[in-house]
Amino acid sequence: MAQKTVRIEQIGSPIRREGDQRATLIGLKLNKLHRVSELEDTPSVRGMIRKVQHLVRVLGDAA
């Protein structure tokens, strides 16, 4: 059974943001603008995306 994944792209800079938002981006494997990361779709990853929703864009859910 294949795991569901979600693709996200960083569209905002963490400059002048709180340190926990920068750490969340690093946890999502994002640290530069326009970098794309594909992660397993879990509630914890969804919560991290929600925390930095103003800095990332969800490109889509992959099967």
PDB file of N, CA and C in Angstrom:
ATOM      1  N   MET A   1       0.843  -1.178   0.000  1.00  0.00           N
ATOM      2  CA  MET A   1       0.000   0.000   0.000  1.00  0.00           C
ATOM      3  C   MET A   1       0.887   1.239   0.000  1.00  0.00           C
ATOM      4  N   ALA A   2       0.704   2.104  -0.971  1.00  0.00           N
ATOM      5  CA  ALA A   2       1.544   3.297  -1.106  1.00  0.00           C
ATOM      6  C   ALA A   2       1.121   4.368  -0.105  1.00  0.00           C
ATOM      7  N   GLN A   3       2.114   5.050   0.415  1.00  0.00           N
ATOM      8  CA  GLN A   3       1.850   6.148   1.346  1.00  0.00           C
ATOM      9  C   GLN A   3       1.430   7.385   0.561  1.00  0.00           C
ATOM     10  N   LYS A   4       0.483   8.135   1.086  1.00  0.00           N
ATOM     11  CA  LYS A   4       0.101   9.391   0.471  1.00  0.00           C
ATOM     12  C   LYS A   4       1.156  10.434   0.789  1.00  0.00           C
ATOM     13  N   THR A   5       1.415  11.287  -0.176  1.00  0.00           N
ATOM     14  CA  THR A   5       2.395  12.349   0.024  1.00  0.00           C
ATOM     15  C   THR A   5       1.775  13.687  -0.336  1.00  0.00           C
ATOM     16  N   VAL A   6       2.427  14.732   0.117  1.00  0.00           N
ATOM     17  CA  VAL A   6       2.006  16.090  -0.192  1.00  0.00           C
ATOM     18  C   VAL A   6       3.236  16.865  -0.655  1.00  0.00           C
ATOM     19  N   ARG A   7       3.075  17.648  -1.730  1.00  0.00           N
ATOM     20  CA  ARG A   7       4.180  18.465  -2.262  1.00  0.00           C
ATOM     21  C   ARG A   7       3.954  19.917  -1.853  1.00  0.00           C
ATOM     22  N   ILE A   8       4.999  20.527  -1.306  1.00  0.00           N
ATOM     23  CA  ILE A   8       4.906  21.923  -0.880  1.00  0.00           C
ATOM     24  C   ILE A   8       6.092  22.691  -1.435  1.00  0.00           C
ATOM     25  N   GLU A   9       5.886  23.994  -1.658  1.00  0.00           N
ATOM     26  CA  GLU A   9       6.930  24.879  -2.165  1.00  0.00           C
ATOM     27  C   GLU A   9       7.026  26.080  -1.251  1.00  0.00           C
ATOM     28  N   GLN A  10       8.244  26.497  -0.952  1.00  0.00           N
ATOM     29  CA  GLN A  10       8.441  27.689  -0.128  1.00  0.00           C
ATOM     30  C   GLN A  10       8.312  28.914  -1.011  1.00  0.00           C
ATOM     31  N   ILE A  11       7.421  29.845  -0.645  1.00  0.00           N
ATOM     32  CA  ILE A  11       7.201  31.049  -1.433  1.00  0.00           C
ATOM     33  C   ILE A  11       7.507  32.320  -0.651  1.00  0.00           C
ATOM     34  N   GLY A  12       7.822  32.195   0.641  1.00  0.00           N
ATOM     35  CA  GLY A  12       8.116  33.349   1.463  1.00  0.00           C
ATOM     36  C   GLY A  12       9.404  33.154   2.231  1.00  0.00           C
ATOM     37  N   SER A  13      10.034  34.261   2.569  1.00  0.00           N
ATOM     38  CA  SER A  13      11.296  34.222   3.292  1.00  0.00           C
ATOM     39  C   SER A  13      11.058  34.216   4.804  1.00  0.00           C
ATOM     40  N   PRO A  14      11.858  33.461   5.554  1.00  0.00           N
ATOM     41  CA  PRO A  14      11.715  33.457   7.007  1.00  0.00           C
ATOM     42  C   PRO A  14      12.426  34.631   7.685  1.00  0.00           C
ATOM     43  N   ILE A  15      12.977  35.543   6.894  1.00  0.00           N
ATOM     44  CA  ILE A  15      13.649  36.710   7.472  1.00  0.00           C
ATOM     45  C   ILE A  15      12.616  37.544   8.226  1.00  0.00           C
ATOM     46  N   ARG A  16      12.975  37.987   9.413  1.00  0.00           N
ATOM     47  CA  ARG A  16      12.131  38.776  10.311  1.00  0.00           C
ATOM     48  C   ARG A  16      10.893  38.014  10.771  1.00  0.00           C
ATOM     49  N   ARG A  17      10.993  36.709  10.832  1.00  0.00           N
ATOM     50  CA  ARG A  17       9.946  35.865  11.409  1.00  0.00           C
ATOM     51  C   ARG A  17      10.476  35.285  12.706  1.00  0.00           C
ATOM     52  N   GLU A  18       9.589  34.739  13.497  1.00  0.00           N
ATOM     53  CA  GLU A  18      10.024  34.118  14.750  1.00  0.00           C
ATOM     54  C   GLU A  18      10.862  32.883  14.449  1.00  0.00           C
ATOM     55  N   GLY A  19      11.734  32.551  15.355  1.00  0.00           N
ATOM     56  CA  GLY A  19      12.643  31.437  15.170  1.00  0.00           C
ATOM     57  C   GLY A  19      11.953  30.101  14.993  1.00  0.00           C
ATOM     58  N   ASP A  20      10.788  29.923  15.626  1.00  0.00           N
ATOM     59  CA  ASP A  20      10.097  28.644  15.483  1.00  0.00           C
ATOM     60  C   ASP A  20       9.542  28.451  14.076  1.00  0.00           C
ATOM     61  N   GLN A  21       9.241  29.545  13.368  1.00  0.00           N
ATOM     62  CA  GLN A  21       8.773  29.413  11.989  1.00  0.00           C
ATOM     63  C   GLN A  21       9.922  28.984  11.079  1.00  0.00           C
ATOM     64  N   ARG A  22      11.112  29.512  11.308  1.00  0.00           N
ATOM     65  CA  ARG A  22      12.283  29.086  10.544  1.00  0.00           C
ATOM     66  C   ARG A  22      12.578  27.609  10.813  1.00  0.00           C
ATOM     67  N   ALA A  23      12.474  27.198  12.071  1.00  0.00           N
ATOM     68  CA  ALA A  23      12.710  25.802  12.429  1.00  0.00           C
ATOM     69  C   ALA A  23      11.658  24.893  11.794  1.00  0.00           C
ATOM     70  N   THR A  24      10.428  25.357  11.698  1.00  0.00           N
ATOM     71  CA  THR A  24       9.376  24.571  11.055  1.00  0.00           C
ATOM     72  C   THR A  24       9.676  24.384   9.575  1.00  0.00           C
ATOM     73  N   LEU A  25      10.147  25.437   8.902  1.00  0.00           N
ATOM     74  CA  LEU A  25      10.520  25.307   7.491  1.00  0.00           C
ATOM     75  C   LEU A  25      11.651  24.293   7.313  1.00  0.00           C
ATOM     76  N   ILE A  26      12.623  24.330   8.192  1.00  0.00           N
ATOM     77  CA  ILE A  26      13.725  23.367   8.117  1.00  0.00           C
ATOM     78  C   ILE A  26      13.195  21.957   8.343  1.00  0.00           C
ATOM     79  N   GLY A  27      12.248  21.808   9.270  1.00  0.00           N
ATOM     80  CA  GLY A  27      11.634  20.505   9.517  1.00  0.00           C
ATOM     81  C   GLY A  27      10.856  19.995   8.317  1.00  0.00           C
ATOM     82  N   LEU A  28      10.346  20.911   7.496  1.00  0.00           N
ATOM     83  CA  LEU A  28       9.640  20.546   6.273  1.00  0.00           C
ATOM     84  C   LEU A  28      10.596  20.378   5.096  1.00  0.00           C
ATOM     85  N   LYS A  29      11.894  20.418   5.365  1.00  0.00           N
ATOM     86  CA  LYS A  29      12.947  20.283   4.351  1.00  0.00           C
ATOM     87  C   LYS A  29      12.919  21.428   3.349  1.00  0.00           C
ATOM     88  N   LEU A  30      12.606  22.626   3.841  1.00  0.00           N
ATOM     89  CA  LEU A  30      12.611  23.832   3.026  1.00  0.00           C
ATOM     90  C   LEU A  30      13.522  24.841   3.701  1.00  0.00           C
ATOM     91  N   ASN A  31      14.409  25.461   2.951  1.00  0.00           N
ATOM     92  CA  ASN A  31      15.241  26.506   3.536  1.00  0.00           C
ATOM     93  C   ASN A  31      15.637  27.576   2.528  1.00  0.00           C
ATOM     94  N   LYS A  32      15.158  27.465   1.296  1.00  0.00           N
ATOM     95  CA  LYS A  32      15.414  28.482   0.281  1.00  0.00           C
ATOM     96  C   LYS A  32      14.139  28.695  -0.509  1.00  0.00           C
ATOM     97  N   LEU A  33      13.978  29.905  -1.053  1.00  0.00           N
ATOM     98  CA  LEU A  33      12.789  30.217  -1.822  1.00  0.00           C
ATOM     99  C   LEU A  33      12.651  29.292  -3.023  1.00  0.00           C
ATOM    100  N   HIS A  34      11.431  28.922  -3.339  1.00  0.00           N
ATOM    101  CA  HIS A  34      11.046  28.102  -4.489  1.00  0.00           C
ATOM    102  C   HIS A  34      11.570  26.673  -4.419  1.00  0.00           C
ATOM    103  N   ARG A  35      12.029  26.246  -3.261  1.00  0.00           N
ATOM    104  CA  ARG A  35      12.428  24.852  -3.088  1.00  0.00           C
ATOM    105  C   ARG A  35      11.162  24.028  -2.869  1.00  0.00           C
ATOM    106  N   VAL A  36      11.104  22.853  -3.485  1.00  0.00           N
ATOM    107  CA  VAL A  36       9.940  21.976  -3.403  1.00  0.00           C
ATOM    108  C   VAL A  36      10.310  20.754  -2.576  1.00  0.00           C
ATOM    109  N   SER A  37       9.403  20.362  -1.712  1.00  0.00           N
ATOM    110  CA  SER A  37       9.607  19.196  -0.860  1.00  0.00           C
ATOM    111  C   SER A  37       8.394  18.285  -0.959  1.00  0.00           C
ATOM    112  N   GLU A  38       8.638  16.991  -0.999  1.00  0.00           N
ATOM    113  CA  GLU A  38       7.556  16.014  -1.016  1.00  0.00           C
ATOM    114  C   GLU A  38       7.654  15.189   0.257  1.00  0.00           C
ATOM    115  N   LEU A  39       6.621  15.279   1.094  1.00  0.00           N
ATOM    116  CA  LEU A  39       6.621  14.630   2.401  1.00  0.00           C
ATOM    117  C   LEU A  39       5.415  13.716   2.543  1.00  0.00           C
ATOM    118  N   GLU A  40       5.514  12.798   3.490  1.00  0.00           N
ATOM    119  CA  GLU A  40       4.398  11.917   3.799  1.00  0.00           C
ATOM    120  C   GLU A  40       3.254  12.753   4.376  1.00  0.00           C
ATOM    121  N   ASP A  41       2.055  12.470   3.940  1.00  0.00           N
ATOM    122  CA  ASP A  41       0.878  13.229   4.368  1.00  0.00           C
ATOM    123  C   ASP A  41       0.372  12.681   5.694  1.00  0.00           C
ATOM    124  N   THR A  42       0.807  13.305   6.789  1.00  0.00           N
ATOM    125  CA  THR A  42       0.390  12.911   8.132  1.00  0.00           C
ATOM    126  C   THR A  42      -0.196  14.129   8.835  1.00  0.00           C
ATOM    127  N   PRO A  43      -0.938  13.914   9.920  1.00  0.00           N
ATOM    128  CA  PRO A  43      -1.477  15.055  10.663  1.00  0.00           C
ATOM    129  C   PRO A  43      -0.388  15.996  11.190  1.00  0.00           C
ATOM    130  N   SER A  44       0.771  15.455  11.570  1.00  0.00           N
ATOM    131  CA  SER A  44       1.830  16.320  12.083  1.00  0.00           C
ATOM    132  C   SER A  44       2.410  17.205  10.977  1.00  0.00           C
ATOM    133  N   VAL A  45       2.554  16.662   9.780  1.00  0.00           N
ATOM    134  CA  VAL A  45       3.052  17.466   8.655  1.00  0.00           C
ATOM    135  C   VAL A  45       2.017  18.514   8.282  1.00  0.00           C
ATOM    136  N   ARG A  46       0.746  18.145   8.281  1.00  0.00           N
ATOM    137  CA  ARG A  46      -0.317  19.116   7.993  1.00  0.00           C
ATOM    138  C   ARG A  46      -0.312  20.250   9.020  1.00  0.00           C
ATOM    139  N   GLY A  47      -0.043  19.934  10.276  1.00  0.00           N
ATOM    140  CA  GLY A  47       0.036  20.968  11.310  1.00  0.00           C
ATOM    141  C   GLY A  47       1.212  21.900  11.092  1.00  0.00           C
ATOM    142  N   MET A  48       2.337  21.342  10.653  1.00  0.00           N
ATOM    143  CA  MET A  48       3.505  22.176  10.366  1.00  0.00           C
ATOM    144  C   MET A  48       3.223  23.096   9.181  1.00  0.00           C
ATOM    145  N   ILE A  49       2.545  22.576   8.164  1.00  0.00           N
ATOM    146  CA  ILE A  49       2.186  23.399   7.004  1.00  0.00           C
ATOM    147  C   ILE A  49       1.251  24.520   7.447  1.00  0.00           C
ATOM    148  N   ARG A  50       0.310  24.201   8.305  1.00  0.00           N
ATOM    149  CA  ARG A  50      -0.646  25.206   8.807  1.00  0.00           C
ATOM    150  C   ARG A  50       0.073  26.319   9.564  1.00  0.00           C
ATOM    151  N   LYS A  51       1.133  25.959  10.289  1.00  0.00           N
ATOM    152  CA  LYS A  51       1.862  26.934  11.091  1.00  0.00           C
ATOM    153  C   LYS A  51       2.580  27.956  10.217  1.00  0.00           C
ATOM    154  N   VAL A  52       3.049  27.537   9.052  1.00  0.00           N
ATOM    155  CA  VAL A  52       3.776  28.448   8.161  1.00  0.00           C
ATOM    156  C   VAL A  52       3.047  28.605   6.830  1.00  0.00           C
ATOM    157  N   GLN A  53       1.723  28.592   6.873  1.00  0.00           N
ATOM    158  CA  GLN A  53       0.922  28.648   5.651  1.00  0.00           C
ATOM    159  C   GLN A  53       1.150  29.925   4.848  1.00  0.00           C
ATOM    160  N   HIS A  54       1.610  30.983   5.482  1.00  0.00           N
ATOM    161  CA  HIS A  54       1.878  32.230   4.783  1.00  0.00           C
ATOM    162  C   HIS A  54       3.241  32.205   4.070  1.00  0.00           C
ATOM    163  N   LEU A  55       4.034  31.171   4.301  1.00  0.00           N
ATOM    164  CA  LEU A  55       5.359  31.054   3.687  1.00  0.00           C
ATOM    165  C   LEU A  55       5.443  29.910   2.677  1.00  0.00           C
ATOM    166  N   VAL A  56       4.437  29.056   2.606  1.00  0.00           N
ATOM    167  CA  VAL A  56       4.491  27.898   1.718  1.00  0.00           C
ATOM    168  C   VAL A  56       3.212  27.818   0.863  1.00  0.00           C
ATOM    169  N   ARG A  57       3.327  27.037  -0.209  1.00  0.00           N
ATOM    170  CA  ARG A  57       2.173  26.772  -1.069  1.00  0.00           C
ATOM    171  C   ARG A  57       2.093  25.264  -1.262  1.00  0.00           C
ATOM    172  N   VAL A  58       0.899  24.708  -1.093  1.00  0.00           N
ATOM    173  CA  VAL A  58       0.695  23.282  -1.316  1.00  0.00           C
ATOM    174  C   VAL A  58       0.479  23.092  -2.813  1.00  0.00           C
ATOM    175  N   LEU A  59       1.366  22.322  -3.439  1.00  0.00           N
ATOM    176  CA  LEU A  59       1.291  22.104  -4.881  1.00  0.00           C
ATOM    177  C   LEU A  59       0.317  20.997  -5.233  1.00  0.00           C
ATOM    178  N   GLY A  60       0.049  20.131  -4.310  1.00  0.00           N
ATOM    179  CA  GLY A  60      -0.924  19.080  -4.574  1.00  0.00           C
ATOM    180  C   GLY A  60      -0.640  17.843  -3.768  1.00  0.00           C
ATOM    181  N   ASP A  61      -1.636  17.017  -3.707  1.00  0.00           N
ATOM    182  CA  ASP A  61      -1.511  15.732  -3.019  1.00  0.00           C
ATOM    183  C   ASP A  61      -1.151  14.686  -4.058  1.00  0.00           C
ATOM    184  N   ALA A  62      -0.136  13.911  -3.779  1.00  0.00           N
ATOM    185  CA  ALA A  62       0.262  12.827  -4.683  1.00  0.00           C
ATOM    186  C   ALA A  62      -0.186  11.504  -4.088  1.00  0.00           C
ATOM    187  N   ALA A  63      -0.386  10.546  -4.939  1.00  0.00           N
ATOM    188  CA  ALA A  63      -0.827   9.233  -4.460  1.00  0.00           C
ATOM    189  C   ALA A  63       0.339   8.405  -3.994  1.00  0.00           C
TER     190      ALA A  63
END
